[in-house]
Protein backbone atom coordinates (compact mmCIF):
# COMPACT_ATOMS: atom_id res chain seq x y z
CA MET A 1 31.86 -55.57 2.21
CA LEU A 2 34.60 -53.50 3.95
CA LYS A 3 37.06 -51.84 1.64
CA THR A 4 40.66 -50.49 2.07
CA PHE A 5 41.12 -47.08 0.75
CA VAL A 6 44.85 -45.72 -0.08
CA LEU A 7 44.95 -41.99 0.01
CA ASP A 8 47.38 -40.04 -2.27
CA THR A 9 48.95 -36.73 -1.07
CA ASN A 10 46.80 -34.59 -3.24
CA VAL A 11 43.59 -35.78 -1.56
CA LEU A 12 44.94 -34.65 1.91
CA LEU A 13 46.17 -31.35 0.29
CA HIS A 14 42.50 -30.82 -1.02
CA GLU A 15 40.79 -31.89 2.02
CA PRO A 16 42.92 -32.43 5.08
CA LEU A 17 40.65 -34.68 7.07
CA ALA A 18 39.52 -36.78 4.12
CA TRP A 19 40.00 -40.01 5.96
CA ARG A 20 36.75 -39.23 7.86
CA ARG A 21 34.84 -39.49 4.54
CA PHE A 22 35.14 -43.45 4.27
CA ALA A 23 32.64 -44.55 6.67
CA ASP A 24 33.56 -47.70 8.43
CA ASN A 25 36.08 -48.94 5.98
CA ASP A 26 39.86 -49.14 6.52
CA VAL A 27 42.05 -46.14 5.28
CA ALA A 28 45.68 -46.72 4.58
CA LEU A 29 48.10 -43.74 4.41
CA PRO A 30 51.48 -44.50 2.72
CA ILE A 31 54.34 -42.92 4.60
CA TYR A 32 55.49 -41.44 1.62
CA VAL A 33 52.46 -39.34 1.54
CA VAL A 34 53.58 -37.88 4.98
CA GLU A 35 57.11 -37.28 3.48
CA GLU A 36 55.54 -35.38 0.59
CA LEU A 37 53.42 -33.43 2.92
CA ASP A 38 56.50 -32.39 4.87
CA ASN A 39 57.66 -30.56 1.58
CA PHE A 40 54.49 -28.37 1.79
CA LYS A 41 54.29 -27.64 5.49
CA LYS A 42 56.32 -24.33 5.24
CA ASP A 43 54.20 -23.14 2.28
CA LEU A 44 52.26 -19.86 3.12
CA SER A 45 49.39 -20.77 0.79
CA GLY A 46 46.30 -23.02 1.66
CA LEU A 47 48.36 -26.01 0.63
CA GLY A 48 50.85 -25.29 3.49
CA ARG A 49 48.06 -24.93 5.88
CA ASN A 50 46.41 -28.18 4.86
CA ALA A 51 49.69 -29.99 5.12
CA ARG A 52 50.24 -28.74 8.55
CA LEU A 53 46.65 -29.57 9.62
CA VAL A 54 47.10 -33.15 8.57
CA SER A 55 50.35 -33.38 10.59
CA ARG A 56 48.60 -32.02 13.68
CA GLU A 57 45.68 -34.49 13.28
CA LEU A 58 47.96 -37.50 12.74
CA ASP A 59 49.81 -36.79 15.78
CA GLU A 60 46.81 -36.63 17.80
CA LEU A 61 45.60 -39.94 16.38
CA ARG A 62 48.92 -41.28 17.18
CA GLN A 63 48.27 -40.70 21.09
CA ARG A 64 45.32 -43.26 20.58
CA GLY A 65 47.53 -46.07 19.43
CA SER A 66 50.02 -47.23 17.03
CA LEU A 67 49.44 -45.95 13.53
CA SER A 68 51.32 -48.74 12.11
CA ASP A 69 48.92 -51.14 13.61
CA GLY A 70 45.84 -48.98 12.89
CA VAL A 71 43.85 -46.45 14.96
CA ASP A 72 40.19 -46.60 15.43
CA LEU A 73 38.10 -43.58 13.96
CA ASP A 74 35.12 -41.89 15.28
CA ASN A 75 33.18 -43.12 12.22
CA GLY A 76 33.87 -46.78 12.93
CA GLY A 77 36.72 -47.24 10.47
CA THR A 78 40.33 -47.48 11.14
CA LEU A 79 43.40 -45.54 9.81
CA ARG A 80 46.97 -46.93 9.51
CA VAL A 81 50.26 -45.76 7.94
CA VAL A 82 51.81 -48.23 5.67
CA TYR A 83 55.03 -48.52 3.83
CA ALA A 84 56.30 -50.67 0.88
CA ARG A 85 58.36 -53.69 2.02
CA ASP A 86 59.70 -54.47 -1.57
CA PRO A 87 59.91 -51.12 -3.33
CA GLU A 88 62.18 -52.17 -6.00
CA ARG A 89 59.65 -54.43 -7.80
CA THR A 90 57.45 -51.48 -8.73
CA MET A 91 60.22 -49.17 -9.32
CA ALA A 92 61.31 -51.10 -12.43
CA GLN A 93 57.86 -50.64 -13.99
CA PHE A 94 57.73 -47.01 -14.31
CA ALA A 95 59.88 -44.09 -14.91
CA VAL A 96 62.20 -42.99 -11.94
CA GLN A 97 60.79 -39.38 -11.90
CA HIS A 98 57.61 -40.70 -10.26
CA HIS A 99 59.49 -42.01 -7.19
CA TYR A 100 56.70 -41.36 -4.59
CA ASP A 101 54.13 -42.32 -6.86
CA ASN A 102 55.64 -45.73 -7.60
CA LEU A 103 56.15 -46.34 -3.77
CA ILE A 104 52.43 -45.52 -3.34
CA LEU A 105 51.54 -47.91 -5.89
CA ARG A 106 53.74 -50.49 -4.32
CA CYS A 107 51.93 -50.09 -1.11
CA CYS A 108 48.58 -50.81 -3.03
CA ILE A 109 49.82 -53.84 -4.67
CA GLU A 110 51.19 -55.43 -1.34
CA LEU A 111 48.04 -54.65 0.52
CA ARG A 112 46.05 -56.35 -2.26
CA ASP A 113 48.39 -59.49 -2.14
CA GLY A 114 48.30 -59.62 1.38
CA TYR A 115 44.47 -59.99 1.61
CA ALA A 116 44.69 -62.42 -1.14
CA ARG A 117 47.01 -64.58 0.84
CA ALA A 118 44.92 -64.41 3.72
CA ASP A 119 41.78 -65.40 1.59
CA ASP A 120 40.34 -62.00 2.33
CA GLU A 121 38.38 -60.76 -0.62
CA ARG A 122 38.60 -57.13 0.67
CA PRO A 123 39.07 -54.67 -2.35
CA VAL A 124 41.95 -52.16 -2.23
CA VAL A 125 41.12 -48.83 -3.77
CA LEU A 126 43.47 -46.08 -4.74
CA VAL A 127 42.02 -42.61 -4.07
CA THR A 128 43.94 -39.89 -6.07
CA LYS A 129 43.06 -36.73 -7.93
CA ASP A 130 46.04 -37.40 -10.14
CA THR A 131 44.64 -38.64 -13.42
CA ASN A 132 48.08 -40.04 -14.76
CA LEU A 133 48.41 -41.91 -11.27
CA ARG A 134 45.00 -43.50 -11.91
CA LEU A 135 46.18 -44.49 -15.39
CA ARG A 136 49.17 -46.09 -14.02
CA ALA A 137 47.34 -47.91 -11.27
CA ASP A 138 45.03 -49.28 -13.73
CA ALA A 139 48.00 -50.60 -15.81
CA LEU A 140 48.84 -52.66 -12.85
CA GLY A 141 45.34 -53.95 -12.34
CA LEU A 142 44.65 -51.69 -9.31
CA SER A 143 41.30 -50.11 -8.68
CA ALA A 144 41.63 -46.33 -8.65
CA VAL A 145 39.10 -43.50 -8.25
CA ASP A 146 39.11 -39.80 -8.01
CA TYR A 147 38.23 -37.80 -4.84
CA ASP A 148 35.26 -35.73 -4.53
CA PRO A 149 32.59 -36.84 -2.06
CA GLU A 150 30.22 -34.12 -3.45
CA GLN A 151 31.32 -34.08 -7.16
CA VAL A 152 28.60 -32.62 -9.39
CA ASP A 153 29.04 -31.99 -12.96
CA VAL A 154 28.82 -28.18 -13.76
CA ALA A 155 26.00 -28.93 -16.26
CA ASP A 156 24.02 -30.34 -13.62
CA LEU A 157 24.57 -27.39 -11.24
CA TYR A 158 21.54 -25.87 -9.42
CA PRO A 159 20.85 -23.00 -11.73
CA GLY A 160 18.73 -20.93 -9.48
CA HIS A 161 15.78 -20.55 -11.88
CA ALA A 162 13.31 -22.85 -13.67
CA GLU A 163 10.24 -22.72 -15.81
CA ILE A 164 6.67 -23.67 -14.90
CA GLU A 165 3.44 -23.85 -16.91
CA VAL A 166 0.35 -22.64 -15.02
CA GLU A 167 -3.05 -21.39 -15.64
CA ASP A 168 -3.75 -17.66 -16.43
CA ASP A 169 -5.28 -17.01 -12.97
CA ALA A 170 -1.87 -18.00 -11.36
CA ILE A 171 -0.08 -15.46 -13.34
CA ARG A 172 -2.41 -12.75 -12.44
CA GLY A 173 -2.18 -13.93 -8.69
CA ALA A 174 1.53 -13.62 -8.89
CA PHE A 175 1.39 -9.99 -9.73
CA GLU A 176 -1.58 -9.27 -7.30
CA GLY A 177 0.22 -10.33 -4.11
CA GLY A 178 1.63 -13.73 -4.79
CA ILE A 179 0.58 -17.41 -5.06
CA ALA A 180 1.46 -20.51 -3.18
CA ALA A 181 4.96 -21.77 -4.04
CA PRO A 182 5.04 -25.16 -5.69
CA ALA A 183 6.57 -27.92 -3.71
CA ASP A 184 9.46 -28.44 -6.00
CA VAL A 185 11.09 -25.09 -5.76
CA VAL A 186 13.19 -23.69 -2.94
CA PRO A 187 13.49 -20.26 -1.25
CA ASN A 188 14.95 -17.43 -3.54
CA GLU A 189 14.64 -19.66 -6.80
CA TYR A 190 13.24 -17.77 -9.73
CA VAL A 191 10.60 -19.09 -11.81
CA LEU A 192 9.45 -18.28 -15.43
CA LEU A 193 5.58 -18.60 -15.21
CA ARG A 194 4.12 -19.62 -18.70
CA ASP A 195 0.42 -19.91 -19.47
CA VAL A 196 -0.49 -23.32 -20.70
CA ASP A 197 -2.95 -21.72 -23.10
CA ASN A 198 -0.80 -18.96 -24.43
CA ALA A 199 2.95 -19.52 -24.46
CA LYS A 200 3.61 -15.92 -25.07
CA HIS A 201 1.88 -14.96 -21.93
CA THR A 202 4.57 -15.12 -19.21
CA ALA A 203 5.84 -13.71 -15.98
CA LEU A 204 9.06 -13.57 -14.03
CA ALA A 205 8.59 -14.64 -10.42
CA ARG A 206 10.68 -15.46 -7.46
CA VAL A 207 10.08 -17.72 -4.35
CA GLU A 208 10.13 -15.61 -1.32
CA PRO A 209 12.88 -16.18 1.38
CA ASP A 210 10.43 -18.19 3.62
CA GLY A 211 9.62 -20.47 0.75
CA ALA A 212 5.98 -20.11 1.06
CA MET A 213 4.91 -17.64 -1.79
CA LEU A 214 5.80 -17.05 -5.43
CA LYS A 215 5.60 -13.30 -6.29
CA ALA A 216 6.05 -11.84 -9.77
CA LEU A 217 8.92 -9.47 -10.32
CA PRO A 218 8.08 -5.87 -11.49
CA LYS A 219 7.45 -5.69 -15.19
CA ARG A 220 9.90 -2.81 -15.51
CA ARG A 221 12.67 -1.70 -13.34
CA ALA A 222 14.51 1.59 -13.67
CA PRO A 223 18.12 1.45 -14.88
CA ILE A 224 20.58 0.79 -11.98
CA TRP A 225 23.56 3.17 -12.60
CA GLY A 226 22.55 3.20 -16.35
CA ILE A 227 22.31 -0.66 -16.55
CA SER A 228 19.11 -2.37 -17.36
CA ALA A 229 18.68 -6.21 -17.63
CA ARG A 230 18.85 -7.33 -21.28
CA ASN A 231 17.35 -10.94 -20.60
CA LYS A 232 15.53 -12.77 -17.98
CA GLU A 233 18.64 -14.15 -16.11
CA GLN A 234 19.98 -10.53 -15.62
CA SER A 235 16.57 -9.57 -14.28
CA TYR A 236 16.91 -12.56 -11.88
CA ALA A 237 20.45 -11.41 -10.91
CA LEU A 238 19.57 -7.68 -10.36
CA ASP A 239 16.73 -8.53 -8.18
CA LEU A 240 18.90 -10.79 -5.87
CA LEU A 241 21.68 -8.07 -5.86
CA LEU A 242 19.29 -5.38 -4.88
CA ASP A 243 17.40 -7.47 -2.28
CA ASP A 244 18.86 -6.57 1.28
CA ARG A 245 17.26 -9.79 2.67
CA VAL A 246 19.66 -11.81 0.70
CA SER A 247 23.10 -11.80 2.38
CA LEU A 248 24.94 -14.15 -0.15
CA VAL A 249 24.52 -14.16 -3.83
CA THR A 250 26.48 -16.37 -6.36
CA LEU A 251 26.49 -15.55 -10.05
CA VAL A 252 27.62 -18.17 -12.40
CA GLY A 253 28.05 -17.72 -16.07
CA LYS A 254 30.51 -17.77 -18.96
CA ALA A 255 32.53 -14.61 -20.08
CA GLY A 256 30.15 -11.50 -21.35
CA THR A 257 27.09 -12.60 -19.36
CA GLY A 258 27.39 -9.40 -17.22
CA LYS A 259 28.15 -10.94 -13.98
CA THR A 260 30.79 -8.37 -12.68
CA LEU A 261 29.11 -5.38 -14.27
CA LEU A 262 25.62 -6.23 -12.75
CA ALA A 263 27.17 -6.57 -9.39
CA LEU A 264 29.06 -3.37 -9.52
CA ALA A 265 26.08 -1.45 -10.63
CA ALA A 266 23.86 -2.87 -7.87
CA GLY A 267 26.74 -2.26 -5.23
CA LEU A 268 27.25 1.34 -6.21
CA ALA A 269 23.49 2.00 -6.32
CA LYS A 270 23.11 0.48 -2.73
CA VAL A 271 26.17 2.66 -1.54
CA THR A 272 25.44 5.89 -3.39
CA ASP A 273 21.91 6.08 -3.97
CA GLU A 274 20.45 4.40 -1.03
CA GLU A 275 23.26 4.64 1.43
CA ARG A 276 22.48 1.17 2.71
CA TYR A 277 26.13 0.08 2.82
CA GLN A 278 29.45 2.04 3.58
CA ARG A 279 31.28 1.06 0.58
CA VAL A 280 31.70 -1.32 -2.28
CA LEU A 281 34.58 -3.55 -1.47
CA VAL A 282 35.91 -5.65 -4.51
CA SER A 283 38.46 -8.41 -4.40
CA ARG A 284 39.57 -11.22 -6.59
CA PRO A 285 42.15 -14.00 -6.50
CA ILE A 286 45.37 -13.27 -8.19
CA PHE A 287 46.11 -16.03 -10.76
CA PRO A 288 47.80 -15.19 -14.25
CA LEU A 289 46.36 -16.16 -17.56
CA GLY A 290 49.26 -18.13 -19.23
CA ARG A 291 52.80 -17.39 -18.26
CA ASP A 292 53.24 -14.99 -15.40
CA ILE A 293 55.44 -11.65 -16.10
CA GLY A 294 57.23 -11.96 -12.70
CA TYR A 295 57.11 -9.63 -9.71
CA LEU A 296 55.58 -6.18 -10.02
CA PRO A 297 57.41 -3.14 -8.65
CA GLY A 298 55.85 -0.35 -6.53
CA THR A 299 53.38 -0.13 -3.60
CA VAL A 300 50.66 -2.62 -2.86
CA GLU A 301 48.16 -0.41 -5.02
CA GLU A 302 50.76 -0.24 -7.90
CA LYS A 303 51.29 -3.92 -7.76
CA LEU A 304 47.47 -4.74 -7.49
CA ASP A 305 46.64 -2.17 -10.48
CA PRO A 306 47.13 -4.60 -13.28
CA TRP A 307 45.24 -7.43 -11.64
CA MET A 308 42.05 -5.23 -11.13
CA LYS A 309 41.93 -3.86 -14.61
CA PRO A 310 38.57 -5.74 -15.41
CA ILE A 311 37.18 -4.20 -12.32
CA TYR A 312 38.21 -0.67 -13.14
CA ASP A 313 37.04 -1.14 -16.72
CA ASN A 314 33.63 -2.01 -15.60
CA VAL A 315 33.45 0.94 -13.17
CA GLU A 316 34.44 3.27 -15.79
CA LEU A 317 31.74 1.94 -18.07
CA LEU A 318 29.16 2.58 -15.28
CA LEU A 319 30.50 6.07 -14.71
CA SER A 320 30.25 6.83 -18.47
CA LEU A 321 26.58 6.00 -18.37
CA ASN A 322 26.12 8.44 -15.52
CA PRO A 323 25.67 11.81 -17.06
CA ASP A 324 26.72 13.81 -14.10
CA ALA A 325 29.71 11.72 -13.54
CA ARG A 326 30.65 12.03 -17.33
CA ARG A 327 30.31 15.67 -17.24
CA MET A 328 32.62 16.05 -14.31
CA GLY A 329 35.10 13.90 -15.55
CA HIS A 330 34.96 11.41 -12.67
CA GLY A 331 36.79 8.03 -12.84
CA HIS A 332 37.19 4.87 -10.55
CA HIS A 333 39.81 6.92 -8.51
CA THR A 334 37.17 9.33 -7.54
CA LEU A 335 35.08 6.80 -6.05
CA VAL A 336 38.09 5.32 -4.40
CA ASP A 337 39.16 8.71 -2.92
CA MET A 338 35.56 9.38 -1.58
CA GLY A 339 35.72 5.93 0.24
CA LEU A 340 32.73 4.56 -1.79
CA LEU A 341 34.90 2.01 -3.49
CA GLU A 342 37.67 -0.17 -2.18
CA ILE A 343 39.86 -2.56 -4.19
CA GLU A 344 41.79 -5.23 -2.05
CA PRO A 345 43.49 -8.63 -2.78
CA LEU A 346 42.18 -11.59 -1.08
CA THR A 347 45.63 -12.20 0.43
CA TYR A 348 44.97 -9.75 3.19
CA ILE A 349 41.25 -10.61 4.03
CA ARG A 350 42.19 -13.21 6.72
CA GLY A 351 41.48 -11.84 10.35
CA ARG A 352 39.25 -8.94 9.13
CA SER A 353 35.93 -8.03 10.14
CA ILE A 354 33.89 -6.43 7.33
CA PRO A 355 30.70 -4.99 8.65
CA ASN A 356 28.22 -3.13 6.67
CA GLN A 357 29.83 -3.40 3.14
CA TYR A 358 28.77 -4.62 -0.32
CA LEU A 359 31.65 -7.35 -0.79
CA ILE A 360 32.20 -8.59 -4.46
CA VAL A 361 34.58 -11.34 -4.86
CA ASP A 362 35.31 -11.70 -8.69
CA GLU A 363 36.58 -14.71 -10.51
CA ALA A 364 35.50 -17.01 -7.54
CA GLN A 365 35.96 -20.19 -9.63
CA ASN A 366 39.83 -19.81 -8.72
CA LEU A 367 39.06 -20.24 -4.98
CA THR A 368 39.05 -23.35 -3.00
CA PRO A 369 36.05 -24.03 -0.93
CA HIS A 370 38.14 -23.45 2.29
CA GLU A 371 38.99 -20.09 0.85
CA CYS A 372 35.48 -19.19 0.23
CA LYS A 373 34.62 -20.26 3.88
CA THR A 374 37.37 -17.86 5.03
CA ILE A 375 35.91 -14.95 3.14
CA LEU A 376 32.40 -15.55 4.24
CA THR A 377 33.33 -15.78 7.84
CA ARG A 378 34.80 -12.29 7.50
CA ALA A 379 31.28 -10.79 6.82
CA GLY A 380 30.05 -8.68 9.72
CA GLU A 381 26.80 -7.38 10.59
CA GLY A 382 24.96 -5.91 7.47
CA THR A 383 27.41 -7.02 4.87
CA LYS A 384 26.23 -8.53 1.61
CA VAL A 385 28.65 -10.98 -0.03
CA VAL A 386 28.52 -11.49 -3.90
CA PHE A 387 30.65 -14.21 -5.54
CA THR A 388 30.88 -14.23 -9.43
CA GLY A 389 32.67 -16.60 -11.67
CA ASP A 390 32.90 -18.92 -14.69
CA PRO A 391 33.67 -22.58 -13.74
CA TYR A 392 34.81 -23.11 -17.19
CA GLN A 393 37.68 -20.80 -16.99
CA ILE A 394 39.90 -21.72 -14.19
CA ASP A 395 43.51 -20.68 -13.75
CA ASN A 396 44.13 -22.27 -10.32
CA PRO A 397 45.86 -25.68 -11.04
CA TYR A 398 44.76 -27.05 -7.66
CA VAL A 399 40.75 -26.69 -8.39
CA ASP A 400 38.82 -27.98 -11.09
CA GLN A 401 35.24 -27.40 -12.47
CA SER A 402 33.54 -29.65 -9.84
CA ASP A 403 35.30 -28.78 -6.71
CA ASN A 404 36.01 -25.06 -6.95
CA GLY A 405 34.74 -22.57 -4.31
CA LEU A 406 32.04 -21.12 -6.57
CA VAL A 407 30.50 -24.38 -7.30
CA HIS A 408 30.88 -25.47 -3.52
CA LEU A 409 28.93 -22.36 -2.40
CA VAL A 410 26.08 -23.04 -4.98
CA ARG A 411 25.68 -26.58 -3.83
CA ARG A 412 25.87 -25.81 -0.08
CA PHE A 413 23.59 -22.80 0.04
CA ALA A 414 20.97 -23.92 -2.44
CA GLY A 415 17.56 -23.27 -0.79
CA GLN A 416 18.83 -21.22 2.14
CA SER A 417 16.62 -18.18 3.04
CA ILE A 418 19.54 -15.79 3.04
CA ALA A 419 21.18 -16.86 -0.01
CA GLY A 420 20.54 -17.06 -3.79
CA THR A 421 22.11 -17.99 -7.00
CA VAL A 422 21.58 -17.34 -10.72
CA THR A 423 23.28 -19.08 -13.74
CA LEU A 424 23.55 -16.61 -16.67
CA ALA A 425 23.78 -18.29 -20.00
CA ARG A 426 23.45 -15.58 -22.62
CA GLY A 427 26.41 -13.28 -23.40
CA GLU A 428 25.66 -9.59 -23.79
CA ARG A 429 29.15 -8.03 -23.97
CA SER A 430 29.13 -8.14 -27.89
CA GLU A 431 28.15 -10.58 -30.85
CA LEU A 432 31.83 -11.47 -31.11
CA ALA A 433 32.34 -12.23 -27.46
CA GLU A 434 29.43 -14.41 -27.34
CA LEU A 435 30.18 -16.26 -30.43
CA ALA A 436 33.75 -16.78 -29.24
CA ALA A 437 32.44 -18.01 -25.81
CA ASN A 438 30.07 -20.68 -27.57
CA ILE A 439 32.37 -22.10 -30.36
CA LEU A 440 35.92 -21.73 -28.98
C-alpha cells in the first residue's frame, strides 16, 4: 500500500535529499518547512549548506512541473508542496510558540482527512527527528516516525573484532603463516582464537585485507613511544594504526580507553622513527561541554589552544615516556616547531589537499556524516586518517548516538580492504576514571 510521508524541517537539515529515500511513495513537503529553511540559508555551518541545497533542488524539480500538483521523482514516487487550508483549527490545540510545528501538523490532518473523504486508505506518516513533535502528533492520532534510514543502535555497531573457538592446530597455523579465514569474518577484522580443549590457550589474529587469510599478531610488540597495549583491544588498535595498508582507522570507545593516546603514539612513531609520513596533523570539532565562555581573544593559535589541551596533554605524556625528550625538556611546542606535529581546527579543512600525512580527527562523534565525508575527501596520496570518539558523549545538538559521523563511518566502511575499526571497552586511564565511566 502506498503511503504519504510528510517531512519536517529537521529531516532536510539532516539529509537535504531525504525525499529520495521513500521509494515509490508520495512525499509531501509543507510550505512552512520551506519558510523555516529560509531562516537557515545564510548560516555558514553545515545547516546553512543543507538549507541552500534543498532550495536549489526544489527549484530544479519545479522545472519539471507544478510542485503544488506533485512532481514525479526518479524513484517512482512524487513530491508535492502543501499548505494548511484551515490552520486555526490546530492552532487552538497547542501552545502558540510552536507555530510552524502546528501548521505542519495541520497539513498532516488535512491530508489524512482528504484521503478518508475519497475512500482512500492511504496512511499519512509524519517524519521528524523532533521527539516532542512526534508526541504532539500522537496526541492528534497521527502516525509519526523518526528519520534515520540506516539507524543502528550503538550497542549493535560492528565492533571490529570477534572470538572463535578452534582446534589447537589452527592456532599454530595462524602463527606459522596463517589459516583460511572463516566465512563470517571480513577484511581487517580481529579475532581472538580460543582452543576448544584449553580455554587458556589463545591467540590474537587478524583477517588480511584481501579477506583470504587469518594471521596471528606478534606475541609481543615493542613499546610505541613508550606505550604498550594493556588489553587485547588496544593490541588490535595499535596493529591497525601501524599498518600502512590501512588508510582509514576508526577507534570507538568510552572515555579513558586510550583512543587518542594510541593514535598519537602510532602517528609520532610513523613520522619520527619510520619517517613514513611528513607530519602528524591533529584536528577536532569545537563544541563546548556545558555553557560556552564566549569568544576567545588572540590569534588563531591562541584561540585554538584551550580546545586542544587534551591533545597537548597526551603529547606531553608521550614525551615524558621518552628518556631523550624528557632529558632535553622537549614539549609539544618542540614538535610543532620542528614541523612534525600540526594542530588545526576542522573549520579550515574544506578545500585543502592533505598528502602523505598522518591525520587524526579526535572527538569525531560530534561530526555529521557529511563533515566526515568532507574530511576524508581531503586525504591525498599516502595519507592515513584516524577517527576517534565516544558515541555516548555527544556535544553537537544536531547529531545523536545513531547518526553521528563516527558511527556512520564504521557502518559504511565495515569490510573494506583499506579500512578497519576497533571498539575499545576497557578503560585504562585510572581506576577512578573507569569506575566513573561505568556507573555514572
